[in-house]
Amino acid sequence: MEEKKLVGKVTHYYSKIDVAIVELDSEIEHGDEISIEGPTTDIQQVVDSMQVEHKPVMTGRKGDSIGLKVKDKVKSGDHVYRIE
């Protein structure tokens, strides 16, 4: 059975470029499988593109605000989980 660990929360979504801004409560890495969940959101995807301060990074750290490329629409307040 897969376990999910809360890693952050969506604070903004840019629909034109499909990028979610996520405030991280814990570390996330390139290649991690994540789930973004909310009242109307249920997306599973692999982290393949994230940025901090408009620069590509391989790891987002606790406290970072990252830009995360998402494959579908998300909303502010949606929770981001890492699937363990």
PDB file of N, CA and C in Angstrom:
ATOM      1  N   MET A   1       0.835  -1.197   0.000  1.00  0.00           N
ATOM      2  CA  MET A   1       0.000   0.000   0.000  1.00  0.00           C
ATOM      3  C   MET A   1       0.872   1.249   0.000  1.00  0.00           C
ATOM      4  N   GLU A   2       0.486   2.209  -0.802  1.00  0.00           N
ATOM      5  CA  GLU A   2       1.287   3.430  -0.870  1.00  0.00           C
ATOM      6  C   GLU A   2       0.959   4.351   0.291  1.00  0.00           C
ATOM      7  N   GLU A   3       2.015   5.007   0.760  1.00  0.00           N
ATOM      8  CA  GLU A   3       1.836   5.977   1.830  1.00  0.00           C
ATOM      9  C   GLU A   3       2.049   7.354   1.253  1.00  0.00           C
ATOM     10  N   LYS A   4       1.304   8.331   1.806  1.00  0.00           N
ATOM     11  CA  LYS A   4       1.453   9.696   1.335  1.00  0.00           C
ATOM     12  C   LYS A   4       1.937  10.564   2.479  1.00  0.00           C
ATOM     13  N   LYS A   5       2.891  11.453   2.138  1.00  0.00           N
ATOM     14  CA  LYS A   5       3.399  12.376   3.135  1.00  0.00           C
ATOM     15  C   LYS A   5       3.151  13.791   2.629  1.00  0.00           C
ATOM     16  N   LEU A   6       2.498  14.597   3.443  1.00  0.00           N
ATOM     17  CA  LEU A   6       2.240  15.987   3.067  1.00  0.00           C
ATOM     18  C   LEU A   6       3.565  16.727   2.922  1.00  0.00           C
ATOM     19  N   VAL A   7       3.792  17.333   1.761  1.00  0.00           N
ATOM     20  CA  VAL A   7       5.029  18.081   1.555  1.00  0.00           C
ATOM     21  C   VAL A   7       4.795  19.572   1.356  1.00  0.00           C
ATOM     22  N   GLY A   8       3.543  19.961   1.069  1.00  0.00           N
ATOM     23  CA  GLY A   8       3.306  21.387   0.892  1.00  0.00           C
ATOM     24  C   GLY A   8       1.899  21.701   0.453  1.00  0.00           C
ATOM     25  N   LYS A   9       1.691  22.986   0.154  1.00  0.00           N
ATOM     26  CA  LYS A   9       0.371  23.485  -0.186  1.00  0.00           C
ATOM     27  C   LYS A   9       0.485  24.435  -1.380  1.00  0.00           C
ATOM     28  N   VAL A  10      -0.471  24.314  -2.298  1.00  0.00           N
ATOM     29  CA  VAL A  10      -0.517  25.216  -3.451  1.00  0.00           C
ATOM     30  C   VAL A  10      -0.969  26.597  -2.973  1.00  0.00           C
ATOM     31  N   THR A  11      -0.207  27.638  -3.335  1.00  0.00           N
ATOM     32  CA  THR A  11      -0.595  28.996  -2.957  1.00  0.00           C
ATOM     33  C   THR A  11      -1.069  29.801  -4.163  1.00  0.00           C
ATOM     34  N   HIS A  12      -0.718  29.341  -5.366  1.00  0.00           N
ATOM     35  CA  HIS A  12      -1.134  30.054  -6.574  1.00  0.00           C
ATOM     36  C   HIS A  12      -1.034  29.108  -7.759  1.00  0.00           C
ATOM     37  N   TYR A  13      -1.817  29.383  -8.801  1.00  0.00           N
ATOM     38  CA  TYR A  13      -1.759  28.569 -10.016  1.00  0.00           C
ATOM     39  C   TYR A  13      -1.791  29.484 -11.232  1.00  0.00           C
ATOM     40  N   TYR A  14      -0.815  29.308 -12.114  1.00  0.00           N
ATOM     41  CA  TYR A  14      -0.756  30.071 -13.355  1.00  0.00           C
ATOM     42  C   TYR A  14      -1.271  29.186 -14.489  1.00  0.00           C
ATOM     43  N   SER A  15      -2.514  29.430 -14.903  1.00  0.00           N
ATOM     44  CA  SER A  15      -3.158  28.542 -15.869  1.00  0.00           C
ATOM     45  C   SER A  15      -2.520  28.602 -17.260  1.00  0.00           C
ATOM     46  N   LYS A  16      -1.997  29.770 -17.640  1.00  0.00           N
ATOM     47  CA  LYS A  16      -1.421  29.894 -18.991  1.00  0.00           C
ATOM     48  C   LYS A  16      -0.187  29.009 -19.167  1.00  0.00           C
ATOM     49  N   ILE A  17       0.563  28.810 -18.084  1.00  0.00           N
ATOM     50  CA  ILE A  17       1.805  28.019 -18.181  1.00  0.00           C
ATOM     51  C   ILE A  17       1.734  26.716 -17.374  1.00  0.00           C
ATOM     52  N   ASP A  18       0.565  26.417 -16.801  1.00  0.00           N
ATOM     53  CA  ASP A  18       0.379  25.191 -15.999  1.00  0.00           C
ATOM     54  C   ASP A  18       1.439  25.032 -14.913  1.00  0.00           C
ATOM     55  N   VAL A  19       1.624  26.089 -14.145  1.00  0.00           N
ATOM     56  CA  VAL A  19       2.591  26.057 -13.049  1.00  0.00           C
ATOM     57  C   VAL A  19       1.881  26.390 -11.737  1.00  0.00           C
ATOM     58  N   ALA A  20       2.124  25.538 -10.738  1.00  0.00           N
ATOM     59  CA  ALA A  20       1.593  25.767  -9.393  1.00  0.00           C
ATOM     60  C   ALA A  20       2.721  26.291  -8.516  1.00  0.00           C
ATOM     61  N   ILE A  21       2.418  27.279  -7.701  1.00  0.00           N
ATOM     62  CA  ILE A  21       3.375  27.741  -6.692  1.00  0.00           C
ATOM     63  C   ILE A  21       3.065  26.952  -5.420  1.00  0.00           C
ATOM     64  N   VAL A  22       4.070  26.261  -4.913  1.00  0.00           N
ATOM     65  CA  VAL A  22       3.883  25.386  -3.749  1.00  0.00           C
ATOM     66  C   VAL A  22       4.816  25.815  -2.631  1.00  0.00           C
ATOM     67  N   GLU A  23       4.223  26.087  -1.461  1.00  0.00           N
ATOM     68  CA  GLU A  23       5.010  26.363  -0.249  1.00  0.00           C
ATOM     69  C   GLU A  23       5.347  25.017   0.368  1.00  0.00           C
ATOM     70  N   LEU A  24       6.635  24.723   0.497  1.00  0.00           N
ATOM     71  CA  LEU A  24       7.050  23.402   0.981  1.00  0.00           C
ATOM     72  C   LEU A  24       7.194  23.332   2.494  1.00  0.00           C
ATOM     73  N   ASP A  25       6.619  22.268   3.073  1.00  0.00           N
ATOM     74  CA  ASP A  25       6.788  21.966   4.497  1.00  0.00           C
ATOM     75  C   ASP A  25       7.853  20.895   4.679  1.00  0.00           C
ATOM     76  N   SER A  26       8.228  20.251   3.567  1.00  0.00           N
ATOM     77  CA  SER A  26       9.252  19.226   3.632  1.00  0.00           C
ATOM     78  C   SER A  26       9.875  19.092   2.256  1.00  0.00           C
ATOM     79  N   GLU A  27      10.980  18.372   2.167  1.00  0.00           N
ATOM     80  CA  GLU A  27      11.767  18.298   0.936  1.00  0.00           C
ATOM     81  C   GLU A  27      11.046  17.526  -0.173  1.00  0.00           C
ATOM     82  N   ILE A  28      11.278  17.948  -1.402  1.00  0.00           N
ATOM     83  CA  ILE A  28      10.741  17.252  -2.577  1.00  0.00           C
ATOM     84  C   ILE A  28      11.855  17.211  -3.624  1.00  0.00           C
ATOM     85  N   GLU A  29      11.943  16.120  -4.363  1.00  0.00           N
ATOM     86  CA  GLU A  29      13.032  15.965  -5.317  1.00  0.00           C
ATOM     87  C   GLU A  29      12.520  15.662  -6.715  1.00  0.00           C
ATOM     88  N   HIS A  30      13.338  16.038  -7.685  1.00  0.00           N
ATOM     89  CA  HIS A  30      13.076  15.712  -9.085  1.00  0.00           C
ATOM     90  C   HIS A  30      12.912  14.193  -9.181  1.00  0.00           C
ATOM     91  N   GLY A  31      11.848  13.729  -9.818  1.00  0.00           N
ATOM     92  CA  GLY A  31      11.617  12.283  -9.935  1.00  0.00           C
ATOM     93  C   GLY A  31      10.662  11.726  -8.900  1.00  0.00           C
ATOM     94  N   ASP A  32      10.358  12.511  -7.839  1.00  0.00           N
ATOM     95  CA  ASP A  32       9.400  12.056  -6.831  1.00  0.00           C
ATOM     96  C   ASP A  32       8.011  11.926  -7.468  1.00  0.00           C
ATOM     97  N   GLU A  33       7.261  10.925  -7.018  1.00  0.00           N
ATOM     98  CA  GLU A  33       5.870  10.807  -7.440  1.00  0.00           C
ATOM     99  C   GLU A  33       5.042  11.571  -6.414  1.00  0.00           C
ATOM    100  N   ILE A  34       4.174  12.452  -6.923  1.00  0.00           N
ATOM    101  CA  ILE A  34       3.378  13.276  -6.013  1.00  0.00           C
ATOM    102  C   ILE A  34       1.896  13.149  -6.339  1.00  0.00           C
ATOM    103  N   SER A  35       1.090  13.551  -5.362  1.00  0.00           N
ATOM    104  CA  SER A  35      -0.354  13.621  -5.526  1.00  0.00           C
ATOM    105  C   SER A  35      -0.784  15.009  -5.071  1.00  0.00           C
ATOM    106  N   ILE A  36      -1.565  15.683  -5.908  1.00  0.00           N
ATOM    107  CA  ILE A  36      -2.095  17.001  -5.549  1.00  0.00           C
ATOM    108  C   ILE A  36      -3.589  16.818  -5.344  1.00  0.00           C
ATOM    109  N   GLU A  37      -4.053  17.140  -4.131  1.00  0.00           N
ATOM    110  CA  GLU A  37      -5.431  16.834  -3.774  1.00  0.00           C
ATOM    111  C   GLU A  37      -6.132  18.030  -3.158  1.00  0.00           C
ATOM    112  N   GLY A  38      -7.407  18.150  -3.512  1.00  0.00           N
ATOM    113  CA  GLY A  38      -8.246  19.202  -2.950  1.00  0.00           C
ATOM    114  C   GLY A  38      -9.694  18.840  -3.221  1.00  0.00           C
ATOM    115  N   PRO A  39     -10.621  19.736  -2.872  1.00  0.00           N
ATOM    116  CA  PRO A  39     -12.052  19.468  -3.064  1.00  0.00           C
ATOM    117  C   PRO A  39     -12.396  19.071  -4.504  1.00  0.00           C
ATOM    118  N   THR A  40     -11.723  19.677  -5.489  1.00  0.00           N
ATOM    119  CA  THR A  40     -12.011  19.363  -6.887  1.00  0.00           C
ATOM    120  C   THR A  40     -10.761  18.913  -7.639  1.00  0.00           C
ATOM    121  N   THR A  41      -9.688  18.631  -6.908  1.00  0.00           N
ATOM    122  CA  THR A  41      -8.405  18.273  -7.525  1.00  0.00           C
ATOM    123  C   THR A  41      -7.979  16.881  -7.077  1.00  0.00           C
ATOM    124  N   ASP A  42      -7.521  16.076  -8.028  1.00  0.00           N
ATOM    125  CA  ASP A  42      -6.958  14.763  -7.709  1.00  0.00           C
ATOM    126  C   ASP A  42      -6.016  14.377  -8.848  1.00  0.00           C
ATOM    127  N   ILE A  43      -4.750  14.774  -8.711  1.00  0.00           N
ATOM    128  CA  ILE A  43      -3.755  14.570  -9.761  1.00  0.00           C
ATOM    129  C   ILE A  43      -2.573  13.793  -9.188  1.00  0.00           C
ATOM    130  N   GLN A  44      -2.125  12.782  -9.918  1.00  0.00           N
ATOM    131  CA  GLN A  44      -0.882  12.101  -9.575  1.00  0.00           C
ATOM    132  C   GLN A  44       0.083  12.354 -10.731  1.00  0.00           C
ATOM    133  N   GLN A  45       1.309  12.678 -10.404  1.00  0.00           N
ATOM    134  CA  GLN A  45       2.311  12.902 -11.440  1.00  0.00           C
ATOM    135  C   GLN A  45       3.702  12.780 -10.842  1.00  0.00           C
ATOM    136  N   VAL A  46       4.691  12.730 -11.729  1.00  0.00           N
ATOM    137  CA  VAL A  46       6.088  12.709 -11.309  1.00  0.00           C
ATOM    138  C   VAL A  46       6.620  14.131 -11.423  1.00  0.00           C
ATOM    139  N   VAL A  47       7.435  14.541 -10.447  1.00  0.00           N
ATOM    140  CA  VAL A  47       8.046  15.872 -10.485  1.00  0.00           C
ATOM    141  C   VAL A  47       9.109  15.865 -11.577  1.00  0.00           C
ATOM    142  N   ASP A  48       8.860  16.611 -12.663  1.00  0.00           N
ATOM    143  CA  ASP A  48       9.876  16.646 -13.721  1.00  0.00           C
ATOM    144  C   ASP A  48      10.345  18.060 -14.034  1.00  0.00           C
ATOM    145  N   SER A  49       9.719  19.041 -13.404  1.00  0.00           N
ATOM    146  CA  SER A  49      10.162  20.419 -13.615  1.00  0.00           C
ATOM    147  C   SER A  49       9.764  21.272 -12.417  1.00  0.00           C
ATOM    148  N   MET A  50      10.769  21.802 -11.719  1.00  0.00           N
ATOM    149  CA  MET A  50      10.476  22.745 -10.639  1.00  0.00           C
ATOM    150  C   MET A  50      11.555  23.808 -10.595  1.00  0.00           C
ATOM    151  N   GLN A  51      11.160  24.970 -10.115  1.00  0.00           N
ATOM    152  CA  GLN A  51      12.068  26.102 -10.057  1.00  0.00           C
ATOM    153  C   GLN A  51      11.946  26.811  -8.717  1.00  0.00           C
ATOM    154  N   VAL A  52      13.058  27.408  -8.308  1.00  0.00           N
ATOM    155  CA  VAL A  52      13.079  28.311  -7.160  1.00  0.00           C
ATOM    156  C   VAL A  52      13.669  29.616  -7.676  1.00  0.00           C
ATOM    157  N   GLU A  53      12.959  30.704  -7.460  1.00  0.00           N
ATOM    158  CA  GLU A  53      13.410  32.018  -7.962  1.00  0.00           C
ATOM    159  C   GLU A  53      13.715  31.966  -9.458  1.00  0.00           C
ATOM    160  N   HIS A  54      12.871  31.301 -10.224  1.00  0.00           N
ATOM    161  CA  HIS A  54      12.982  31.208 -11.689  1.00  0.00           C
ATOM    162  C   HIS A  54      14.211  30.449 -12.170  1.00  0.00           C
ATOM    163  N   LYS A  55      14.844  29.679 -11.286  1.00  0.00           N
ATOM    164  CA  LYS A  55      15.984  28.854 -11.684  1.00  0.00           C
ATOM    165  C   LYS A  55      15.629  27.388 -11.455  1.00  0.00           C
ATOM    166  N   PRO A  56      15.902  26.540 -12.452  1.00  0.00           N
ATOM    167  CA  PRO A  56      15.593  25.107 -12.282  1.00  0.00           C
ATOM    168  C   PRO A  56      16.381  24.510 -11.115  1.00  0.00           C
ATOM    169  N   VAL A  57      15.713  23.672 -10.323  1.00  0.00           N
ATOM    170  CA  VAL A  57      16.371  22.991  -9.203  1.00  0.00           C
ATOM    171  C   VAL A  57      15.998  21.514  -9.239  1.00  0.00           C
ATOM    172  N   MET A  58      16.849  20.676  -8.632  1.00  0.00           N
ATOM    173  CA  MET A  58      16.583  19.243  -8.537  1.00  0.00           C
ATOM    174  C   MET A  58      15.891  18.915  -7.210  1.00  0.00           C
ATOM    175  N   THR A  59      16.088  19.799  -6.204  1.00  0.00           N
ATOM    176  CA  THR A  59      15.518  19.560  -4.882  1.00  0.00           C
ATOM    177  C   THR A  59      14.890  20.840  -4.359  1.00  0.00           C
ATOM    178  N   GLY A  60      13.653  20.713  -3.861  1.00  0.00           N
ATOM    179  CA  GLY A  60      13.023  21.821  -3.166  1.00  0.00           C
ATOM    180  C   GLY A  60      13.111  21.531  -1.676  1.00  0.00           C
ATOM    181  N   ARG A  61      13.517  22.509  -0.889  1.00  0.00           N
ATOM    182  CA  ARG A  61      13.721  22.292   0.543  1.00  0.00           C
ATOM    183  C   ARG A  61      12.599  22.905   1.377  1.00  0.00           C
ATOM    184  N   LYS A  62      12.477  22.414   2.593  1.00  0.00           N
ATOM    185  CA  LYS A  62      11.486  22.942   3.528  1.00  0.00           C
ATOM    186  C   LYS A  62      11.622  24.466   3.592  1.00  0.00           C
ATOM    187  N   GLY A  63      10.485  25.150   3.464  1.00  0.00           N
ATOM    188  CA  GLY A  63      10.511  26.614   3.512  1.00  0.00           C
ATOM    189  C   GLY A  63      10.577  27.263   2.141  1.00  0.00           C
ATOM    190  N   ASP A  64      10.986  26.491   1.116  1.00  0.00           N
ATOM    191  CA  ASP A  64      11.046  27.034  -0.247  1.00  0.00           C
ATOM    192  C   ASP A  64       9.638  27.244  -0.802  1.00  0.00           C
ATOM    193  N   SER A  65       9.543  28.206  -1.682  1.00  0.00           N
ATOM    194  CA  SER A  65       8.335  28.387  -2.478  1.00  0.00           C
ATOM    195  C   SER A  65       8.754  28.009  -3.897  1.00  0.00           C
ATOM    196  N   ILE A  66       8.237  26.894  -4.404  1.00  0.00           N
ATOM    197  CA  ILE A  66       8.687  26.406  -5.708  1.00  0.00           C
ATOM    198  C   ILE A  66       7.615  26.599  -6.774  1.00  0.00           C
ATOM    199  N   GLY A  67       8.071  26.754  -7.996  1.00  0.00           N
ATOM    200  CA  GLY A  67       7.192  26.721  -9.156  1.00  0.00           C
ATOM    201  C   GLY A  67       7.232  25.297  -9.678  1.00  0.00           C
ATOM    202  N   LEU A  68       6.089  24.644  -9.717  1.00  0.00           N
ATOM    203  CA  LEU A  68       6.008  23.237 -10.103  1.00  0.00           C
ATOM    204  C   LEU A  68       5.133  23.090 -11.339  1.00  0.00           C
ATOM    205  N   LYS A  69       5.704  22.514 -12.398  1.00  0.00           N
ATOM    206  CA  LYS A  69       4.936  22.263 -13.623  1.00  0.00           C
ATOM    207  C   LYS A  69       3.924  21.160 -13.329  1.00  0.00           C
ATOM    208  N   VAL A  70       2.638  21.436 -13.580  1.00  0.00           N
ATOM    209  CA  VAL A  70       1.595  20.449 -13.307  1.00  0.00           C
ATOM    210  C   VAL A  70       0.865  20.091 -14.596  1.00  0.00           C
ATOM    211  N   LYS A  71       0.300  18.882 -14.639  1.00  0.00           N
ATOM    212  CA  LYS A  71      -0.317  18.408 -15.882  1.00  0.00           C
ATOM    213  C   LYS A  71      -1.786  18.767 -15.989  1.00  0.00           C
ATOM    214  N   ASP A  72      -2.342  19.340 -14.930  1.00  0.00           N
ATOM    215  CA  ASP A  72      -3.751  19.721 -14.962  1.00  0.00           C
ATOM    216  C   ASP A  72      -3.975  20.877 -13.992  1.00  0.00           C
ATOM    217  N   LYS A  73      -5.170  21.446 -14.044  1.00  0.00           N
ATOM    218  CA  LYS A  73      -5.503  22.601 -13.215  1.00  0.00           C
ATOM    219  C   LYS A  73      -5.511  22.240 -11.725  1.00  0.00           C
ATOM    220  N   VAL A  74      -4.910  23.099 -10.915  1.00  0.00           N
ATOM    221  CA  VAL A  74      -4.958  22.949  -9.455  1.00  0.00           C
ATOM    222  C   VAL A  74      -5.471  24.259  -8.870  1.00  0.00           C
ATOM    223  N   LYS A  75      -5.769  24.254  -7.579  1.00  0.00           N
ATOM    224  CA  LYS A  75      -6.298  25.464  -6.937  1.00  0.00           C
ATOM    225  C   LYS A  75      -5.485  25.802  -5.693  1.00  0.00           C
ATOM    226  N   SER A  76      -5.505  27.078  -5.344  1.00  0.00           N
ATOM    227  CA  SER A  76      -4.885  27.512  -4.087  1.00  0.00           C
ATOM    228  C   SER A  76      -5.519  26.738  -2.945  1.00  0.00           C
ATOM    229  N   GLY A  77      -4.680  26.261  -2.030  1.00  0.00           N
ATOM    230  CA  GLY A  77      -5.183  25.505  -0.889  1.00  0.00           C
ATOM    231  C   GLY A  77      -5.098  23.996  -1.093  1.00  0.00           C
ATOM    232  N   ASP A  78      -4.908  23.551  -2.352  1.00  0.00           N
ATOM    233  CA  ASP A  78      -4.738  22.113  -2.584  1.00  0.00           C
ATOM    234  C   ASP A  78      -3.471  21.635  -1.870  1.00  0.00           C
ATOM    235  N   HIS A  79      -3.534  20.403  -1.362  1.00  0.00           N
ATOM    236  CA  HIS A  79      -2.383  19.836  -0.665  1.00  0.00           C
ATOM    237  C   HIS A  79      -1.547  18.989  -1.614  1.00  0.00           C
ATOM    238  N   VAL A  80      -0.229  19.063  -1.424  1.00  0.00           N
ATOM    239  CA  VAL A  80       0.706  18.284  -2.233  1.00  0.00           C
ATOM    240  C   VAL A  80       1.327  17.208  -1.350  1.00  0.00           C
ATOM    241  N   TYR A  81       1.200  15.961  -1.788  1.00  0.00           N
ATOM    242  CA  TYR A  81       1.731  14.822  -1.050  1.00  0.00           C
ATOM    243  C   TYR A  81       2.791  14.118  -1.876  1.00  0.00           C
ATOM    244  N   ARG A  82       3.825  13.621  -1.211  1.00  0.00           N
ATOM    245  CA  ARG A  82       4.785  12.727  -1.869  1.00  0.00           C
ATOM    246  C   ARG A  82       4.307  11.309  -1.631  1.00  0.00           C
ATOM    247  N   ILE A  83       4.249  10.518  -2.690  1.00  0.00           N
ATOM    248  CA  ILE A  83       3.852   9.130  -2.551  1.00  0.00           C
ATOM    249  C   ILE A  83       5.104   8.327  -2.254  1.00  0.00           C
ATOM    250  N   GLU A  84       5.103   7.669  -1.079  1.00  0.00           N
ATOM    251  CA  GLU A  84       6.301   6.963  -0.610  1.00  0.00           C
ATOM    252  C   GLU A  84       6.351   5.557  -1.155  1.00  0.00           C
TER     253      GLU A  84
END
